[in-house]
Amino acid sequence: MDPVESLMELIEGKSKAKTKQKQKWREIEQLKEKLEKEIEFFNGSVEHLLEEY
């Protein structure tokens, strides 16, 4: 394998790793947003229940 080919493989490997990392961060951000919405919903429900008493 010549040096150019090995360099290209190295670059491609790093590029794939970065892509996977970005995908994971997107998943984390989506989960975070979902959890924040659920927390807001439950907080509103609890406040509503407390107002009734």
PDB file of N, CA and C in Angstrom:
ATOM      1  N   MET A   1       0.864  -1.183   0.000  1.00  0.00           N
ATOM      2  CA  MET A   1       0.000   0.000   0.000  1.00  0.00           C
ATOM      3  C   MET A   1       0.902   1.234   0.000  1.00  0.00           C
ATOM      4  N   ASP A   2       0.624   2.127  -0.899  1.00  0.00           N
ATOM      5  CA  ASP A   2       1.462   3.319  -0.958  1.00  0.00           C
ATOM      6  C   ASP A   2       1.010   4.336   0.087  1.00  0.00           C
ATOM      7  N   PRO A   3       1.854   5.300   0.409  1.00  0.00           N
ATOM      8  CA  PRO A   3       1.548   6.283   1.459  1.00  0.00           C
ATOM      9  C   PRO A   3       0.285   7.102   1.195  1.00  0.00           C
ATOM     10  N   VAL A   4      -0.003   7.370  -0.072  1.00  0.00           N
ATOM     11  CA  VAL A   4      -1.190   8.163  -0.402  1.00  0.00           C
ATOM     12  C   VAL A   4      -2.452   7.362  -0.046  1.00  0.00           C
ATOM     13  N   GLU A   5      -2.465   6.084  -0.382  1.00  0.00           N
ATOM     14  CA  GLU A   5      -3.616   5.237  -0.057  1.00  0.00           C
ATOM     15  C   GLU A   5      -3.810   5.134   1.456  1.00  0.00           C
ATOM     16  N   SER A   6      -2.723   4.947   2.170  1.00  0.00           N
ATOM     17  CA  SER A   6      -2.846   4.820   3.627  1.00  0.00           C
ATOM     18  C   SER A   6      -3.313   6.139   4.250  1.00  0.00           C
ATOM     19  N   LEU A   7      -2.872   7.244   3.693  1.00  0.00           N
ATOM     20  CA  LEU A   7      -3.318   8.546   4.175  1.00  0.00           C
ATOM     21  C   LEU A   7      -4.808   8.742   3.910  1.00  0.00           C
ATOM     22  N   MET A   8      -5.260   8.332   2.728  1.00  0.00           N
ATOM     23  CA  MET A   8      -6.681   8.448   2.389  1.00  0.00           C
ATOM     24  C   MET A   8      -7.532   7.593   3.328  1.00  0.00           C
ATOM     25  N   GLU A   9      -7.080   6.375   3.645  1.00  0.00           N
ATOM     26  CA  GLU A   9      -7.813   5.511   4.565  1.00  0.00           C
ATOM     27  C   GLU A   9      -7.886   6.137   5.950  1.00  0.00           C
ATOM     28  N   LEU A  10      -6.811   6.743   6.377  1.00  0.00           N
ATOM     29  CA  LEU A  10      -6.777   7.405   7.680  1.00  0.00           C
ATOM     30  C   LEU A  10      -7.773   8.560   7.716  1.00  0.00           C
ATOM     31  N   ILE A  11      -7.795   9.352   6.671  1.00  0.00           N
ATOM     32  CA  ILE A  11      -8.728  10.490   6.590  1.00  0.00           C
ATOM     33  C   ILE A  11     -10.163   9.998   6.573  1.00  0.00           C
ATOM     34  N   GLU A  12     -10.460   8.968   5.796  1.00  0.00           N
ATOM     35  CA  GLU A  12     -11.812   8.417   5.731  1.00  0.00           C
ATOM     36  C   GLU A  12     -12.252   7.872   7.081  1.00  0.00           C
ATOM     37  N   GLY A  13     -11.346   7.218   7.779  1.00  0.00           N
ATOM     38  CA  GLY A  13     -11.666   6.679   9.102  1.00  0.00           C
ATOM     39  C   GLY A  13     -12.023   7.775  10.083  1.00  0.00           C
ATOM     40  N   LYS A  14     -11.270   8.863  10.059  1.00  0.00           N
ATOM     41  CA  LYS A  14     -11.554   9.984  10.953  1.00  0.00           C
ATOM     42  C   LYS A  14     -12.868  10.651  10.589  1.00  0.00           C
ATOM     43  N   SER A  15     -13.136  10.732   9.287  1.00  0.00           N
ATOM     44  CA  SER A  15     -14.375  11.349   8.825  1.00  0.00           C
ATOM     45  C   SER A  15     -15.577  10.535   9.291  1.00  0.00           C
ATOM     46  N   LYS A  16     -15.502   9.222   9.186  1.00  0.00           N
ATOM     47  CA  LYS A  16     -16.590   8.351   9.637  1.00  0.00           C
ATOM     48  C   LYS A  16     -16.792   8.473  11.138  1.00  0.00           C
ATOM     49  N   ALA A  17     -15.701   8.555  11.882  1.00  0.00           N
ATOM     50  CA  ALA A  17     -15.803   8.679  13.334  1.00  0.00           C
ATOM     51  C   ALA A  17     -16.480   9.993  13.711  1.00  0.00           C
ATOM     52  N   LYS A  18     -16.137  11.069  13.011  1.00  0.00           N
ATOM     53  CA  LYS A  18     -16.759  12.365  13.287  1.00  0.00           C
ATOM     54  C   LYS A  18     -18.243  12.336  12.963  1.00  0.00           C
ATOM     55  N   THR A  19     -18.609  11.672  11.873  1.00  0.00           N
ATOM     56  CA  THR A  19     -20.012  11.572  11.481  1.00  0.00           C
ATOM     57  C   THR A  19     -20.802  10.822  12.544  1.00  0.00           C
ATOM     58  N   LYS A  20     -20.264   9.710  13.029  1.00  0.00           N
ATOM     59  CA  LYS A  20     -20.938   8.942  14.078  1.00  0.00           C
ATOM     60  C   LYS A  20     -21.065   9.773  15.352  1.00  0.00           C
ATOM     61  N   GLN A  21     -20.027  10.515  15.671  1.00  0.00           N
ATOM     62  CA  GLN A  21     -20.058  11.356  16.862  1.00  0.00           C
ATOM     63  C   GLN A  21     -21.141  12.425  16.745  1.00  0.00           C
ATOM     64  N   LYS A  22     -21.264  13.040  15.583  1.00  0.00           N
ATOM     65  CA  LYS A  22     -22.296  14.058  15.362  1.00  0.00           C
ATOM     66  C   LYS A  22     -23.683  13.444  15.476  1.00  0.00           C
ATOM     67  N   GLN A  23     -23.860  12.224  14.944  1.00  0.00           N
ATOM     68  CA  GLN A  23     -25.147  11.548  15.039  1.00  0.00           C
ATOM     69  C   GLN A  23     -25.517  11.299  16.501  1.00  0.00           C
ATOM     70  N   LYS A  24     -24.555  10.868  17.286  1.00  0.00           N
ATOM     71  CA  LYS A  24     -24.806  10.606  18.709  1.00  0.00           C
ATOM     72  C   LYS A  24     -25.203  11.888  19.428  1.00  0.00           C
ATOM     73  N   TRP A  25     -24.519  12.991  19.107  1.00  0.00           N
ATOM     74  CA  TRP A  25     -24.869  14.262  19.747  1.00  0.00           C
ATOM     75  C   TRP A  25     -26.268  14.705  19.356  1.00  0.00           C
ATOM     76  N   ARG A  26     -26.671  14.470  18.100  1.00  0.00           N
ATOM     77  CA  ARG A  26     -28.036  14.800  17.678  1.00  0.00           C
ATOM     78  C   ARG A  26     -29.042  13.982  18.461  1.00  0.00           C
ATOM     79  N   GLU A  27     -28.755  12.697  18.649  1.00  0.00           N
ATOM     80  CA  GLU A  27     -29.642  11.840  19.431  1.00  0.00           C
ATOM     81  C   GLU A  27     -29.759  12.338  20.872  1.00  0.00           C
ATOM     82  N   ILE A  28     -28.632  12.724  21.444  1.00  0.00           N
ATOM     83  CA  ILE A  28     -28.623  13.232  22.821  1.00  0.00           C
ATOM     84  C   ILE A  28     -29.455  14.506  22.917  1.00  0.00           C
ATOM     85  N   GLU A  29     -29.281  15.408  21.959  1.00  0.00           N
ATOM     86  CA  GLU A  29     -30.042  16.659  21.966  1.00  0.00           C
ATOM     87  C   GLU A  29     -31.539  16.395  21.837  1.00  0.00           C
ATOM     88  N   GLN A  30     -31.919  15.434  20.992  1.00  0.00           N
ATOM     89  CA  GLN A  30     -33.331  15.096  20.835  1.00  0.00           C
ATOM     90  C   GLN A  30     -33.905  14.529  22.130  1.00  0.00           C
ATOM     91  N   LEU A  31     -33.159  13.655  22.782  1.00  0.00           N
ATOM     92  CA  LEU A  31     -33.612  13.095  24.056  1.00  0.00           C
ATOM     93  C   LEU A  31     -33.739  14.179  25.124  1.00  0.00           C
ATOM     94  N   LYS A  32     -32.783  15.097  25.125  1.00  0.00           N
ATOM     95  CA  LYS A  32     -32.805  16.196  26.091  1.00  0.00           C
ATOM     96  C   LYS A  32     -34.050  17.053  25.892  1.00  0.00           C
ATOM     97  N   GLU A  33     -34.359  17.379  24.631  1.00  0.00           N
ATOM     98  CA  GLU A  33     -35.551  18.185  24.342  1.00  0.00           C
ATOM     99  C   GLU A  33     -36.822  17.451  24.761  1.00  0.00           C
ATOM    100  N   LYS A  34     -36.878  16.156  24.493  1.00  0.00           N
ATOM    101  CA  LYS A  34     -38.046  15.360  24.864  1.00  0.00           C
ATOM    102  C   LYS A  34     -38.227  15.345  26.383  1.00  0.00           C
ATOM    103  N   LEU A  35     -37.129  15.153  27.103  1.00  0.00           N
ATOM    104  CA  LEU A  35     -37.200  15.141  28.565  1.00  0.00           C
ATOM    105  C   LEU A  35     -37.626  16.496  29.118  1.00  0.00           C
ATOM    106  N   GLU A  36     -37.117  17.570  28.539  1.00  0.00           N
ATOM    107  CA  GLU A  36     -37.500  18.903  28.990  1.00  0.00           C
ATOM    108  C   GLU A  36     -38.999  19.143  28.797  1.00  0.00           C
ATOM    109  N   LYS A  37     -39.539  18.674  27.664  1.00  0.00           N
ATOM    110  CA  LYS A  37     -40.974  18.822  27.418  1.00  0.00           C
ATOM    111  C   LYS A  37     -41.783  18.018  28.428  1.00  0.00           C
ATOM    112  N   GLU A  38     -41.331  16.797  28.731  1.00  0.00           N
ATOM    113  CA  GLU A  38     -42.036  15.968  29.696  1.00  0.00           C
ATOM    114  C   GLU A  38     -41.994  16.587  31.089  1.00  0.00           C
ATOM    115  N   ILE A  39     -40.857  17.147  31.453  1.00  0.00           N
ATOM    116  CA  ILE A  39     -40.731  17.793  32.766  1.00  0.00           C
ATOM    117  C   ILE A  39     -41.670  18.986  32.857  1.00  0.00           C
ATOM    118  N   GLU A  40     -41.717  19.786  31.792  1.00  0.00           N
ATOM    119  CA  GLU A  40     -42.634  20.933  31.774  1.00  0.00           C
ATOM    120  C   GLU A  40     -44.080  20.475  31.916  1.00  0.00           C
ATOM    121  N   PHE A  41     -44.448  19.384  31.232  1.00  0.00           N
ATOM    122  CA  PHE A  41     -45.805  18.862  31.307  1.00  0.00           C
ATOM    123  C   PHE A  41     -46.139  18.438  32.737  1.00  0.00           C
ATOM    124  N   PHE A  42     -45.242  17.676  33.359  1.00  0.00           N
ATOM    125  CA  PHE A  42     -45.508  17.196  34.712  1.00  0.00           C
ATOM    126  C   PHE A  42     -45.497  18.331  35.732  1.00  0.00           C
ATOM    127  N   ASN A  43     -44.635  19.303  35.549  1.00  0.00           N
ATOM    128  CA  ASN A  43     -44.636  20.455  36.443  1.00  0.00           C
ATOM    129  C   ASN A  43     -45.966  21.191  36.362  1.00  0.00           C
ATOM    130  N   GLY A  44     -46.466  21.359  35.165  1.00  0.00           N
ATOM    131  CA  GLY A  44     -47.765  22.017  34.987  1.00  0.00           C
ATOM    132  C   GLY A  44     -48.875  21.212  35.625  1.00  0.00           C
ATOM    133  N   SER A  45     -48.822  19.902  35.506  1.00  0.00           N
ATOM    134  CA  SER A  45     -49.849  19.042  36.093  1.00  0.00           C
ATOM    135  C   SER A  45     -49.836  19.134  37.608  1.00  0.00           C
ATOM    136  N   VAL A  46     -48.655  19.123  38.189  1.00  0.00           N
ATOM    137  CA  VAL A  46     -48.536  19.192  39.647  1.00  0.00           C
ATOM    138  C   VAL A  46     -49.028  20.547  40.147  1.00  0.00           C
ATOM    139  N   GLU A  47     -48.648  21.605  39.463  1.00  0.00           N
ATOM    140  CA  GLU A  47     -49.099  22.943  39.863  1.00  0.00           C
ATOM    141  C   GLU A  47     -50.612  23.037  39.785  1.00  0.00           C
ATOM    142  N   HIS A  48     -51.197  22.462  38.769  1.00  0.00           N
ATOM    143  CA  HIS A  48     -52.652  22.471  38.612  1.00  0.00           C
ATOM    144  C   HIS A  48     -53.315  21.716  39.772  1.00  0.00           C
ATOM    145  N   LEU A  49     -52.766  20.590  40.135  1.00  0.00           N
ATOM    146  CA  LEU A  49     -53.316  19.809  41.242  1.00  0.00           C
ATOM    147  C   LEU A  49     -53.200  20.562  42.576  1.00  0.00           C
ATOM    148  N   LEU A  50     -52.086  21.248  42.757  1.00  0.00           N
ATOM    149  CA  LEU A  50     -51.879  21.987  43.995  1.00  0.00           C
ATOM    150  C   LEU A  50     -52.847  23.164  44.097  1.00  0.00           C
ATOM    151  N   GLU A  51     -53.187  23.776  42.956  1.00  0.00           N
ATOM    152  CA  GLU A  51     -54.116  24.900  42.966  1.00  0.00           C
ATOM    153  C   GLU A  51     -55.518  24.459  43.387  1.00  0.00           C
ATOM    154  N   GLU A  52     -55.865  23.212  43.083  1.00  0.00           N
ATOM    155  CA  GLU A  52     -57.181  22.706  43.433  1.00  0.00           C
ATOM    156  C   GLU A  52     -57.355  22.563  44.950  1.00  0.00           C
ATOM    157  N   TYR A  53     -56.261  22.358  45.674  1.00  0.00           N
ATOM    158  CA  TYR A  53     -56.351  22.151  47.117  1.00  0.00           C
ATOM    159  C   TYR A  53     -56.155  23.403  47.872  1.00  0.00           C
TER     160      TYR A  53
END
